[in-house]
Amino acid sequence: MNCLFHRLSYAALTTLLTASLGGAALGADLGRPVDPSAAPASAPLEWTFRFIPYGWLTAMTGSQTVRGRTVKVNASFADIVEKSDTLVALMGDFEARRGPLAIYGNLVWSNIGAGESSLRTRSLAPGVTGTLGTSSDINIDMAIFEFGVTYEVLRSGALGVDLLAGGRYWHQKADLSFNLASSLDIVDLDLVGYRAIARSGSVDWVDPIIGARLRYDLAPGQNLFLQGDIGGFGAGSKFSWQALGGYGFDFGSYNGITFSGIIGYRALYVDYEQGEGRRRYEFDTLQHGPVVGLSMRF
């Protein structure tokens, strides 16, 4: 009986040891159960950055008032180039993005010149001819700095939609020059000349803005974008709006920087006024034209 008991005990001990060793081996193969609280955190989202220097081939339509004197402006890109110190408005766009959140800034600097003139000649009497010429020229030094944040509210396949909010700071200096030239020809006698200049000094204001941006990936490295905003609301200007659309395409990378070409069209309207009488300043103008740039993303 004792012998049978010893045999049964030995068999049970052998079975238990075998099961324990097998279970340990199986546990080593499958891995230990993971404690969720001890699981490593997922990698944090990283910031990505984009810088785009580009040019804006600007045309202008509207009116400008300096010291209470108003002139109409209707100048094409060619007209502005002829009278301006710069060929294009120089621009830079910067964006820092982390997941759905982005912070952006956009700077524009330009020196714009435009003008118009008229000339009338009449015969006043036999042998007497009178000529009256009038002209006005405008020169505007202008800087525009736009800043804000965007947040992606929709992602559906290749389409992304961002809402944006921020501000647009304007700095302007405008000079209006008026020329009145009259001449009277009586044989060889001439009477000529008059010129006056109105200067605004520095004019600054900030417009709050709200808007949206759409991004659509056509293919890897190719995308379409469309952005629009409205602003002013009487806090700075009476009203302002902007529309910008274009096409971007990657063409190379170097040292972790992806280079892309940008082509598009930008339109920016603002209606701003201040002061009364001879201290009145108003800028009620639409600026628009093609944009061409180079994007660097890293």
Protein backbone atom coordinates (compact mmCIF):
# COMPACT_ATOMS: atom_id res chain seq x y z
CA MET A 1 0.00 0.00 0.00
CA ASN A 2 2.81 2.31 0.96
CA CYS A 3 4.58 1.40 -2.26
CA LEU A 4 1.45 2.25 -4.27
CA PHE A 5 1.14 5.58 -2.41
CA HIS A 6 4.77 6.46 -3.15
CA ARG A 7 4.27 5.61 -6.81
CA LEU A 8 1.13 7.78 -7.06
CA SER A 9 2.87 10.67 -5.27
CA TYR A 10 5.88 10.43 -7.57
CA ALA A 11 3.62 10.41 -10.65
CA ALA A 12 1.63 13.40 -9.39
CA LEU A 13 4.81 15.37 -8.63
CA THR A 14 6.24 14.53 -12.04
CA THR A 15 3.02 15.63 -13.75
CA LEU A 16 2.94 18.90 -11.76
CA LEU A 17 6.57 19.72 -12.59
CA THR A 18 6.00 18.92 -16.26
CA ALA A 19 2.89 21.07 -16.36
CA SER A 20 4.71 23.93 -14.63
CA LEU A 21 7.69 23.77 -16.97
CA GLY A 22 5.39 23.47 -19.99
CA GLY A 23 3.32 26.40 -18.80
CA ALA A 24 6.45 28.47 -18.31
CA ALA A 25 7.66 27.60 -21.79
CA LEU A 26 4.24 28.39 -23.24
CA GLY A 27 4.20 31.67 -21.30
CA ALA A 28 7.64 32.51 -22.72
CA ASP A 29 6.40 31.77 -26.25
CA LEU A 30 3.21 33.82 -25.98
CA GLY A 31 4.65 36.59 -23.83
CA ARG A 32 3.36 37.79 -20.54
CA PRO A 33 0.00 39.59 -20.30
CA VAL A 34 0.47 43.37 -20.85
CA ASP A 35 -0.62 45.75 -18.16
CA PRO A 36 -2.35 48.62 -20.02
CA SER A 37 -1.15 51.13 -17.43
CA ALA A 38 2.44 50.05 -18.13
CA ALA A 39 2.12 50.21 -21.95
CA PRO A 40 4.56 52.64 -23.62
CA ALA A 41 2.94 55.92 -24.74
CA SER A 42 2.49 56.46 -28.48
CA ALA A 43 5.03 58.75 -30.14
CA PRO A 44 3.95 62.42 -29.78
CA LEU A 45 2.93 64.33 -32.89
CA GLU A 46 5.85 66.25 -34.35
CA TRP A 47 5.84 69.81 -35.67
CA THR A 48 6.36 70.29 -39.40
CA PHE A 49 7.29 73.63 -40.96
CA ARG A 50 6.75 75.29 -44.33
CA PHE A 51 8.18 78.53 -45.74
CA ILE A 52 7.06 80.03 -49.06
CA PRO A 53 8.74 83.13 -50.53
CA TYR A 54 6.75 84.32 -53.56
CA GLY A 55 5.84 87.28 -55.71
CA TRP A 56 2.45 88.88 -56.35
CA LEU A 57 1.92 90.52 -59.76
CA THR A 58 -0.54 93.14 -58.57
CA ALA A 59 -3.22 95.12 -60.38
CA MET A 60 -5.36 97.66 -58.51
CA THR A 61 -8.90 99.02 -58.83
CA GLY A 62 -10.67 101.47 -56.52
CA SER A 63 -10.06 104.89 -54.97
CA GLN A 64 -7.53 106.55 -52.67
CA THR A 65 -8.15 109.62 -50.51
CA VAL A 66 -5.28 111.60 -48.96
CA ARG A 67 -5.84 114.84 -47.05
CA GLY A 68 -9.41 114.92 -48.27
CA ARG A 69 -8.42 114.65 -51.96
CA THR A 70 -9.68 111.59 -53.78
CA VAL A 71 -8.41 109.99 -56.97
CA LYS A 72 -9.74 106.96 -58.82
CA VAL A 73 -7.28 104.12 -59.35
CA ASN A 74 -7.59 101.65 -62.21
CA ALA A 75 -4.10 100.34 -62.90
CA SER A 76 -3.05 97.11 -64.57
CA PHE A 77 0.10 95.23 -63.62
CA ALA A 78 1.92 96.87 -66.56
CA ASP A 79 0.82 100.36 -65.42
CA ILE A 80 2.06 99.74 -61.88
CA VAL A 81 5.41 98.34 -63.06
CA GLU A 82 5.95 101.44 -65.18
CA LYS A 83 5.52 103.80 -62.20
CA SER A 84 6.73 101.64 -59.28
CA ASP A 85 10.12 100.94 -57.76
CA THR A 86 9.41 97.19 -57.47
CA LEU A 87 8.44 94.72 -60.18
CA VAL A 88 6.15 92.67 -57.92
CA ALA A 89 4.81 92.71 -54.38
CA LEU A 90 7.25 90.62 -52.33
CA MET A 91 5.66 88.06 -50.05
CA GLY A 92 6.59 85.39 -47.54
CA ASP A 93 4.31 82.74 -46.02
CA PHE A 94 5.19 80.62 -42.96
CA GLU A 95 3.27 77.75 -41.36
CA ALA A 96 4.02 75.49 -38.39
CA ARG A 97 1.71 72.44 -38.16
CA ARG A 98 1.22 69.76 -35.52
CA GLY A 99 -1.55 67.32 -36.34
CA PRO A 100 -4.76 69.24 -37.04
CA LEU A 101 -3.43 72.51 -35.55
CA ALA A 102 -1.39 75.06 -37.51
CA ILE A 103 0.01 78.53 -36.80
CA TYR A 104 0.65 80.74 -39.82
CA GLY A 105 1.94 84.15 -40.85
CA ASN A 106 2.04 86.00 -44.17
CA LEU A 107 3.95 89.19 -45.00
CA VAL A 108 3.52 91.43 -48.07
CA TRP A 109 5.59 94.50 -48.94
CA SER A 110 5.06 96.63 -52.03
CA ASN A 111 5.67 100.07 -53.45
CA ILE A 112 2.84 100.88 -55.85
CA GLY A 113 2.67 103.76 -58.28
CA ALA A 114 -0.21 104.69 -60.59
CA GLY A 115 -1.61 107.75 -62.29
CA GLU A 116 -3.79 109.21 -64.98
CA SER A 117 -3.78 112.34 -67.09
CA SER A 118 -5.81 114.30 -69.60
CA LEU A 119 -4.96 116.97 -72.16
CA ARG A 120 -7.20 119.46 -73.93
CA THR A 121 -6.23 121.92 -76.65
CA ARG A 122 -8.55 124.59 -77.96
CA SER A 123 -8.35 127.43 -80.42
CA LEU A 124 -9.43 130.52 -78.48
CA ALA A 125 -9.14 133.07 -81.28
CA PRO A 126 -7.40 133.39 -84.62
CA GLY A 127 -3.71 132.91 -83.88
CA VAL A 128 -4.34 132.09 -80.16
CA THR A 129 -4.23 128.45 -78.90
CA GLY A 130 -4.83 127.37 -75.29
CA THR A 131 -3.82 123.98 -73.79
CA LEU A 132 -4.90 122.63 -70.37
CA GLY A 133 -3.39 119.43 -69.01
CA THR A 134 -4.26 117.74 -65.71
CA SER A 135 -2.66 114.68 -64.12
CA SER A 136 -2.62 112.89 -60.78
CA ASP A 137 -0.11 110.36 -59.53
CA ILE A 138 -0.32 108.10 -56.50
CA ASN A 139 2.54 106.37 -54.71
CA ILE A 140 1.82 103.91 -51.86
CA ASP A 141 4.34 102.20 -49.60
CA MET A 142 2.42 99.29 -48.11
CA ALA A 143 3.12 96.41 -45.74
CA ILE A 144 0.51 93.79 -44.81
CA PHE A 145 1.12 91.19 -42.10
CA GLU A 146 -1.43 88.42 -41.68
CA PHE A 147 -1.33 86.03 -38.71
CA GLY A 148 -3.56 83.39 -37.17
CA VAL A 149 -4.30 79.78 -36.37
CA THR A 150 -6.06 77.06 -38.35
CA TYR A 151 -7.65 73.81 -37.19
CA GLU A 152 -8.56 70.86 -39.40
CA VAL A 153 -12.26 70.09 -38.88
CA LEU A 154 -12.70 67.59 -41.71
CA ARG A 155 -10.52 64.94 -43.31
CA SER A 156 -12.15 62.78 -45.97
CA GLY A 157 -9.69 60.89 -48.13
CA ALA A 158 -7.72 63.44 -50.15
CA LEU A 159 -9.79 66.40 -48.91
CA GLY A 160 -8.94 68.45 -45.83
CA VAL A 161 -10.89 71.45 -44.50
CA ASP A 162 -9.46 73.96 -42.00
CA LEU A 163 -11.16 76.80 -40.16
CA LEU A 164 -9.00 79.85 -39.49
CA ALA A 165 -9.06 82.93 -37.27
CA GLY A 166 -6.56 85.71 -36.81
CA GLY A 167 -5.76 89.26 -37.82
CA ARG A 168 -4.39 91.35 -40.68
CA TYR A 169 -2.16 94.34 -39.88
CA TRP A 170 -1.90 97.13 -42.47
CA HIS A 171 0.73 99.85 -42.73
CA GLN A 172 0.50 102.47 -45.47
CA LYS A 173 2.11 105.71 -46.57
CA ALA A 174 0.52 107.42 -49.55
CA ASP A 175 1.43 110.49 -51.58
CA LEU A 176 -0.89 112.11 -54.10
CA SER A 177 0.57 114.58 -56.57
CA PHE A 178 -1.63 116.80 -58.70
CA ASN A 179 -0.32 118.56 -61.75
CA LEU A 180 -2.08 121.36 -63.59
CA ALA A 181 -0.29 122.57 -66.67
CA SER A 182 -1.70 125.35 -68.79
CA SER A 183 -0.18 127.08 -71.72
CA LEU A 184 -1.17 129.95 -73.90
CA ASP A 185 0.45 130.36 -77.30
CA ILE A 186 0.44 133.83 -78.74
CA VAL A 187 3.10 133.78 -81.42
CA ASP A 188 6.14 132.83 -79.23
CA LEU A 189 4.83 133.64 -75.72
CA ASP A 190 4.22 130.68 -73.32
CA LEU A 191 2.70 130.48 -69.81
CA VAL A 192 3.28 127.15 -68.01
CA GLY A 193 3.10 125.30 -64.67
CA TYR A 194 1.51 124.14 -61.35
CA ARG A 195 2.09 121.10 -59.04
CA ALA A 196 0.79 120.12 -55.57
CA ILE A 197 1.46 117.10 -53.31
CA ALA A 198 -0.71 115.67 -50.49
CA ARG A 199 1.06 113.33 -48.04
CA SER A 200 -0.73 110.98 -45.66
CA GLY A 201 2.04 110.12 -43.23
CA SER A 202 1.93 106.66 -41.63
CA VAL A 203 -1.49 105.01 -41.41
CA ASP A 204 -1.88 101.74 -39.45
CA TRP A 205 -4.77 99.48 -38.49
CA VAL A 206 -5.58 95.84 -37.68
CA ASP A 207 -8.51 93.83 -39.03
CA PRO A 208 -9.79 90.71 -37.25
CA ILE A 209 -10.40 87.93 -39.79
CA ILE A 210 -12.21 84.58 -39.95
CA GLY A 211 -12.25 82.11 -42.81
CA ALA A 212 -11.62 78.62 -44.14
CA ARG A 213 -9.09 76.70 -46.19
CA LEU A 214 -9.59 73.65 -48.45
CA ARG A 215 -6.75 71.32 -49.41
CA TYR A 216 -7.09 68.51 -51.95
CA ASP A 217 -4.35 66.01 -52.84
CA LEU A 218 -4.51 65.28 -56.56
CA ALA A 219 -1.66 62.77 -56.40
CA PRO A 220 1.44 62.20 -54.25
CA GLY A 221 3.29 65.53 -54.24
CA GLN A 222 0.50 67.46 -56.01
CA ASN A 223 -2.29 69.46 -54.39
CA LEU A 224 -4.88 72.15 -54.95
CA PHE A 225 -5.67 74.77 -52.29
CA LEU A 226 -8.35 77.40 -51.83
CA GLN A 227 -8.52 79.91 -48.99
CA GLY A 228 -11.00 82.68 -48.22
CA ASP A 229 -11.60 85.06 -45.34
CA ILE A 230 -13.59 88.12 -44.34
CA GLY A 231 -12.66 90.74 -41.78
CA GLY A 232 -12.68 94.29 -40.54
CA PHE A 233 -16.24 94.43 -39.21
CA GLY A 234 -15.71 98.07 -38.22
CA ALA A 235 -12.98 97.18 -35.72
CA GLY A 236 -10.26 98.24 -38.17
CA SER A 237 -11.55 98.70 -41.68
CA LYS A 238 -15.24 98.81 -42.50
CA PHE A 239 -14.93 95.52 -44.38
CA SER A 240 -12.27 93.33 -45.97
CA TRP A 241 -12.20 90.06 -47.88
CA GLN A 242 -9.58 87.82 -49.45
CA ALA A 243 -9.56 84.87 -51.85
CA LEU A 244 -6.49 82.80 -52.71
CA GLY A 245 -6.32 79.65 -54.82
CA GLY A 246 -3.58 77.69 -56.52
CA TYR A 247 -1.70 74.53 -57.34
CA GLY A 248 1.39 73.11 -55.63
CA PHE A 249 3.73 70.41 -56.92
CA ASP A 250 6.81 68.77 -55.35
CA PHE A 251 9.86 68.64 -57.58
CA GLY A 252 12.71 67.59 -55.32
CA SER A 253 14.17 67.22 -51.83
CA TYR A 254 17.53 67.96 -50.22
CA ASN A 255 18.77 67.41 -46.66
CA GLY A 256 15.28 66.65 -45.39
CA ILE A 257 13.71 69.68 -47.10
CA THR A 258 11.00 69.10 -49.73
CA PHE A 259 10.84 71.76 -52.45
CA SER A 260 7.61 72.60 -54.26
CA GLY A 261 6.48 75.08 -56.88
CA ILE A 262 3.40 77.23 -56.21
CA ILE A 263 1.27 79.02 -58.81
CA GLY A 264 -2.07 80.69 -58.14
CA TYR A 265 -4.14 83.85 -57.96
CA ARG A 266 -4.79 86.20 -55.03
CA ALA A 267 -7.41 88.93 -54.57
CA LEU A 268 -7.53 91.22 -51.52
CA TYR A 269 -10.12 93.96 -50.93
CA VAL A 270 -10.31 96.48 -48.10
CA ASP A 271 -12.43 99.55 -47.37
CA TYR A 272 -10.76 101.67 -44.68
CA GLU A 273 -11.34 105.28 -43.69
CA GLN A 274 -10.40 107.70 -40.93
CA GLY A 275 -10.62 111.42 -40.21
CA GLU A 276 -12.75 114.19 -41.64
CA GLY A 277 -12.29 117.10 -44.04
CA ARG A 278 -8.66 117.78 -44.95
CA ARG A 279 -7.54 115.08 -42.50
CA ARG A 280 -9.57 112.37 -44.21
CA TYR A 281 -7.76 109.22 -45.37
CA GLU A 282 -9.50 106.41 -47.26
CA PHE A 283 -8.30 103.29 -49.03
CA ASP A 284 -11.15 101.53 -50.85
CA THR A 285 -9.31 99.22 -53.21
CA LEU A 286 -9.15 95.73 -54.68
CA GLN A 287 -5.67 94.33 -55.33
CA HIS A 288 -5.46 91.18 -57.43
CA GLY A 289 -3.11 89.20 -59.62
CA PRO A 290 -1.13 85.97 -60.12
CA VAL A 291 1.23 84.63 -57.44
CA VAL A 292 4.32 82.51 -58.12
CA GLY A 293 6.46 80.99 -55.40
CA LEU A 294 8.73 78.28 -54.02
CA SER A 295 7.71 76.18 -51.02
CA MET A 296 10.23 74.62 -48.61
CA ARG A 297 8.75 72.00 -46.25
CA PHE A 298 10.66 70.33 -43.41
